[in-house]
C-alpha cells in the first residue's frame, strides 16, 4: 500500500515537471519561431539542466508535439461549445474561428505545418498528432450532422473542409499584401467563399 502511494506520488511529480517544461517551451514559442527554439534553451527557461530535459522528452520532436497538443486541445473546447450550443454555429463561423486561431497563434500553425509535412514522424508522435486532427474532423462532422447532413456524408465532408481551410492558410499566409491585417482579411474572404460552397451542398443534401 505504501509503495503504491509512493509510486503514485513520484508519477505525479514527474507529470508536474513535464508540464513545467511544456509551459517553458510555449513561453519561448510566443517570442520566436518554434524551429529556432532548442532543447538547451527550453531547459534554461524551465530551470533544469539540458540532460534532465531528455528524461521527460526523448527528442525535440516529442516536446514540440506535446506543446502543440496542449494548445489545440485547449482551443478545441471553444469549438465544442460552438458545435453543441442550442443554435449551432454556421460553417462560415467554424471556418473563420479555426483560421483566426492559427493566424493569431503563429507557433501553433508552425508546429501543425511541421507535423503535417514531416514524413518520418516517430510512431508515438504520429499517433498523438492523428488524434488531434481527429478532434477537428469529429467536431466539424458533428456540426454538419446538427445541420441535417447524414453521418456518412458528414465524415467525408469534414475531412474535405478542414483540409481546405488548412490549405488556404498555408497558401496565403505570406501573400504579398501591404500588411498582416490585409493578409488576414484576404484569407478570411477565401474561407467564407469556401464555406459557402459547403453550405450550398448542405442545403442540397437535406
Protein backbone atom coordinates (compact mmCIF):
# COMPACT_ATOMS: atom_id res chain seq x y z
CA UNK A 1 0.00 0.00 0.00
CA UNK A 2 2.78 2.42 1.00
CA UNK A 3 4.83 1.55 -2.08
CA UNK A 4 1.80 2.12 -4.33
CA UNK A 5 1.19 5.59 -2.87
CA UNK A 6 4.87 6.45 -3.20
CA UNK A 7 4.91 5.36 -6.84
CA UNK A 8 1.76 7.41 -7.47
CA UNK A 9 3.36 10.47 -5.89
CA UNK A 10 6.51 10.04 -8.00
CA UNK A 11 4.41 9.81 -11.16
CA UNK A 12 2.50 12.99 -10.23
CA UNK A 13 5.80 14.79 -9.61
CA UNK A 14 7.10 13.61 -12.98
CA UNK A 15 3.99 14.87 -14.75
CA UNK A 16 4.25 18.21 -12.95
CA UNK A 17 7.86 18.60 -14.12
CA UNK A 18 6.87 17.67 -17.67
CA UNK A 19 4.21 20.35 -17.55
CA UNK A 20 6.76 22.95 -16.47
CA UNK A 21 8.92 22.01 -19.47
CA UNK A 22 5.93 22.27 -21.86
CA UNK A 23 4.92 25.66 -20.45
CA UNK A 24 8.51 26.86 -20.78
CA UNK A 25 8.56 25.77 -24.42
CA UNK A 26 5.26 27.53 -25.11
CA UNK A 27 6.58 30.72 -23.48
CA UNK A 28 9.57 30.65 -25.84
CA UNK A 29 7.40 29.86 -28.86
CA UNK A 30 5.45 33.04 -28.13
CA UNK A 31 8.66 35.03 -28.57
CA UNK A 32 10.13 33.46 -31.71
CA UNK A 33 9.52 30.70 -34.29
CA UNK A 34 9.38 27.27 -32.69
CA UNK A 35 12.03 25.86 -35.05
CA UNK A 36 14.54 28.36 -33.64
CA UNK A 37 13.98 27.11 -30.09
CA UNK A 38 16.47 24.46 -28.95
CA UNK A 39 16.22 21.96 -26.13
CA UNK A 40 19.00 23.73 -24.18
CA UNK A 41 17.05 26.99 -24.36
CA UNK A 42 13.89 25.27 -23.08
CA UNK A 43 15.89 23.70 -20.25
CA UNK A 44 17.22 27.12 -19.24
CA UNK A 45 13.70 28.57 -19.29
CA UNK A 46 12.46 25.67 -17.12
CA UNK A 47 15.39 25.96 -14.71
CA UNK A 48 16.74 22.46 -15.31
CA UNK A 49 19.86 21.04 -16.92
CA UNK A 50 19.89 20.13 -20.64
CA UNK A 51 20.48 16.49 -19.66
CA UNK A 52 17.43 16.47 -17.37
CA UNK A 53 15.01 17.63 -20.06
CA UNK A 54 15.64 14.42 -22.02
CA UNK A 55 14.27 12.39 -19.10
CA UNK A 56 10.87 13.84 -19.89
CA UNK A 57 11.12 14.26 -23.67
CA UNK A 58 13.46 11.91 -25.54
CA UNK A 59 13.50 14.21 -28.57
CA UNK A 60 12.79 17.79 -29.58
CA UNK A 61 10.06 16.46 -31.85
CA UNK A 62 8.19 14.90 -28.93
CA UNK A 63 8.38 18.12 -26.92
CA UNK A 64 7.04 20.16 -29.86
CA UNK A 65 4.23 17.66 -30.31
CA UNK A 66 3.18 17.79 -26.66
CA UNK A 67 3.20 21.59 -26.71
CA UNK A 68 1.06 21.61 -29.87
CA UNK A 69 -1.34 19.06 -28.39
CA UNK A 70 -1.94 21.16 -25.29
CA UNK A 71 -2.64 24.27 -27.31
CA UNK A 72 -5.03 22.54 -29.69
CA UNK A 73 -6.90 20.58 -27.01
CA UNK A 74 -7.37 23.82 -25.12
CA UNK A 75 -8.85 25.69 -28.10
CA UNK A 76 -10.92 22.66 -29.15
CA UNK A 77 -13.14 23.28 -26.10
CA UNK A 78 -14.19 26.59 -27.65
CA UNK A 79 -15.08 24.83 -30.90
CA UNK A 80 -17.02 22.21 -28.97
CA UNK A 81 -19.17 24.95 -27.45
CA UNK A 82 -19.81 26.35 -30.94
CA UNK A 83 -20.98 22.94 -32.12
CA UNK A 84 -23.03 21.94 -29.07
CA UNK A 85 -24.88 25.18 -28.29
CA UNK A 86 -28.64 25.22 -28.84
CA UNK A 87 -28.28 27.03 -32.17
CA UNK A 88 -25.06 25.54 -33.58
CA UNK A 89 -22.50 27.72 -35.34
CA UNK A 90 -22.64 28.07 -39.10
CA UNK A 91 -20.00 26.52 -41.35
CA UNK A 92 -18.80 30.06 -42.01
CA UNK A 93 -18.30 30.75 -38.27
CA UNK A 94 -16.49 27.47 -37.69
CA UNK A 95 -14.07 28.04 -40.57
CA UNK A 96 -13.30 31.63 -39.59
CA UNK A 97 -12.73 30.66 -35.95
CA UNK A 98 -10.37 27.87 -36.99
CA UNK A 99 -8.27 30.00 -39.31
CA UNK A 100 -8.24 33.02 -36.95
CA UNK A 101 -6.81 30.87 -34.17
CA UNK A 102 -3.96 29.70 -36.36
CA UNK A 103 -3.28 33.21 -37.68
CA UNK A 104 -3.19 34.66 -34.18
CA UNK A 105 -1.13 31.79 -32.76
CA UNK A 106 1.79 31.58 -35.14
CA UNK A 107 3.68 28.96 -33.15
CA UNK A 108 0.67 26.61 -33.25
CA UNK A 109 0.43 26.99 -37.01
CA UNK A 110 4.16 26.39 -37.46
CA UNK A 111 4.07 23.26 -35.31
CA UNK A 112 1.00 21.97 -37.13
CA UNK A 113 2.63 22.53 -40.53
CA UNK A 114 5.81 20.82 -39.35
CA UNK A 115 3.94 17.77 -38.11
CA UNK A 116 1.77 17.62 -41.24
CA UNK A 117 4.70 17.79 -43.64
CA UNK A 118 7.35 15.74 -41.85
CA UNK A 119 7.49 12.34 -43.48
CA UNK A 120 9.12 10.16 -40.82
CA UNK A 121 7.36 11.05 -37.57
CA UNK A 122 8.01 8.59 -34.76
CA UNK A 123 5.08 6.30 -34.02
CA UNK A 124 4.01 7.90 -30.68
CA UNK A 125 4.16 11.40 -32.15
CA UNK A 126 2.21 10.40 -35.27
CA UNK A 127 -0.44 8.70 -33.17
CA UNK A 128 -0.95 11.76 -30.99
CA UNK A 129 -0.99 14.13 -33.95
CA UNK A 130 -3.58 11.95 -35.69
CA UNK A 131 -5.71 12.12 -32.55
CA UNK A 132 -5.60 15.95 -32.70
CA UNK A 133 -6.71 16.10 -36.33
CA UNK A 134 -9.47 13.62 -35.47
CA UNK A 135 -10.77 16.07 -32.83
CA UNK A 136 -11.46 18.69 -35.50
CA UNK A 137 -12.77 16.20 -38.03
CA UNK A 138 -15.20 14.91 -35.39
CA UNK A 139 -16.25 18.39 -34.29
CA UNK A 140 -16.99 19.56 -37.82
CA UNK A 141 -18.69 16.28 -38.65
CA UNK A 142 -20.95 16.75 -35.62
CA UNK A 143 -21.69 20.32 -36.75
CA UNK A 144 -22.73 19.11 -40.20
CA UNK A 145 -24.98 16.44 -38.69
CA UNK A 146 -26.60 19.05 -36.47
CA UNK A 147 -27.37 20.99 -39.62
CA UNK A 148 -29.04 17.94 -41.13
CA UNK A 149 -26.35 16.10 -43.08
CA UNK A 150 -26.22 12.30 -42.94
CA UNK A 151 -23.47 10.68 -40.90
CA UNK A 152 -21.88 9.08 -43.96
CA UNK A 153 -21.63 12.37 -45.86
CA UNK A 154 -20.65 14.38 -42.78
CA UNK A 155 -17.47 12.37 -42.29
CA UNK A 156 -16.03 12.87 -45.78
CA UNK A 157 -17.18 16.50 -45.93
CA UNK A 158 -15.47 17.20 -42.60
CA UNK A 159 -12.19 15.82 -43.94
CA UNK A 160 -12.52 17.92 -47.08
CA UNK A 161 -13.42 21.14 -45.24
CA UNK A 162 -10.70 21.04 -42.56
CA UNK A 163 -8.09 20.18 -45.21
CA UNK A 164 -9.36 23.03 -47.42
CA UNK A 165 -9.14 25.61 -44.64
CA UNK A 166 -5.66 24.47 -43.66
CA UNK A 167 -4.55 24.64 -47.29
CA UNK A 168 -5.92 28.16 -47.69
CA UNK A 169 -3.92 29.34 -44.70
CA UNK A 170 -0.72 27.69 -45.92
CA UNK A 171 -1.15 29.13 -49.42
CA UNK A 172 -1.87 32.73 -48.49
CA UNK A 173 -0.18 33.37 -45.13
CA UNK A 174 2.75 35.07 -46.93
CA UNK A 175 0.66 36.63 -49.68
CA UNK A 176 2.28 39.92 -50.85
CA UNK A 177 -0.17 42.47 -49.46
CA UNK A 178 0.63 45.69 -47.62
CA UNK A 179 0.32 44.40 -44.05
CA UNK A 180 -0.63 41.44 -41.85
CA UNK A 181 -4.22 42.62 -41.39
CA UNK A 182 -4.71 42.76 -45.17
CA UNK A 183 -3.41 39.21 -45.46
CA UNK A 184 -5.76 38.06 -42.69
CA UNK A 185 -8.73 39.76 -44.38
CA UNK A 186 -7.84 38.09 -47.70
CA UNK A 187 -7.61 34.66 -46.07
CA UNK A 188 -10.94 35.09 -44.27
CA UNK A 189 -12.58 36.19 -47.53
CA UNK A 190 -11.44 32.97 -49.21
CA UNK A 191 -12.55 30.91 -46.19
CA UNK A 192 -16.02 32.46 -46.48
CA UNK A 193 -16.19 31.57 -50.17
CA UNK A 194 -15.15 28.00 -49.37
CA UNK A 195 -17.68 27.78 -46.53
CA UNK A 196 -20.45 28.98 -48.84
CA UNK A 197 -19.74 26.04 -51.18
CA UNK A 198 -20.15 23.58 -48.30
CA UNK A 199 -23.26 25.38 -47.07
CA UNK A 200 -24.81 25.05 -50.53
CA UNK A 201 -24.03 21.34 -50.58
CA UNK A 202 -25.57 21.02 -47.14
CA UNK A 203 -28.82 22.58 -48.35
CA UNK A 204 -28.85 20.27 -51.39
CA UNK A 205 -28.47 17.19 -49.21
CA UNK A 206 -31.16 17.98 -46.66
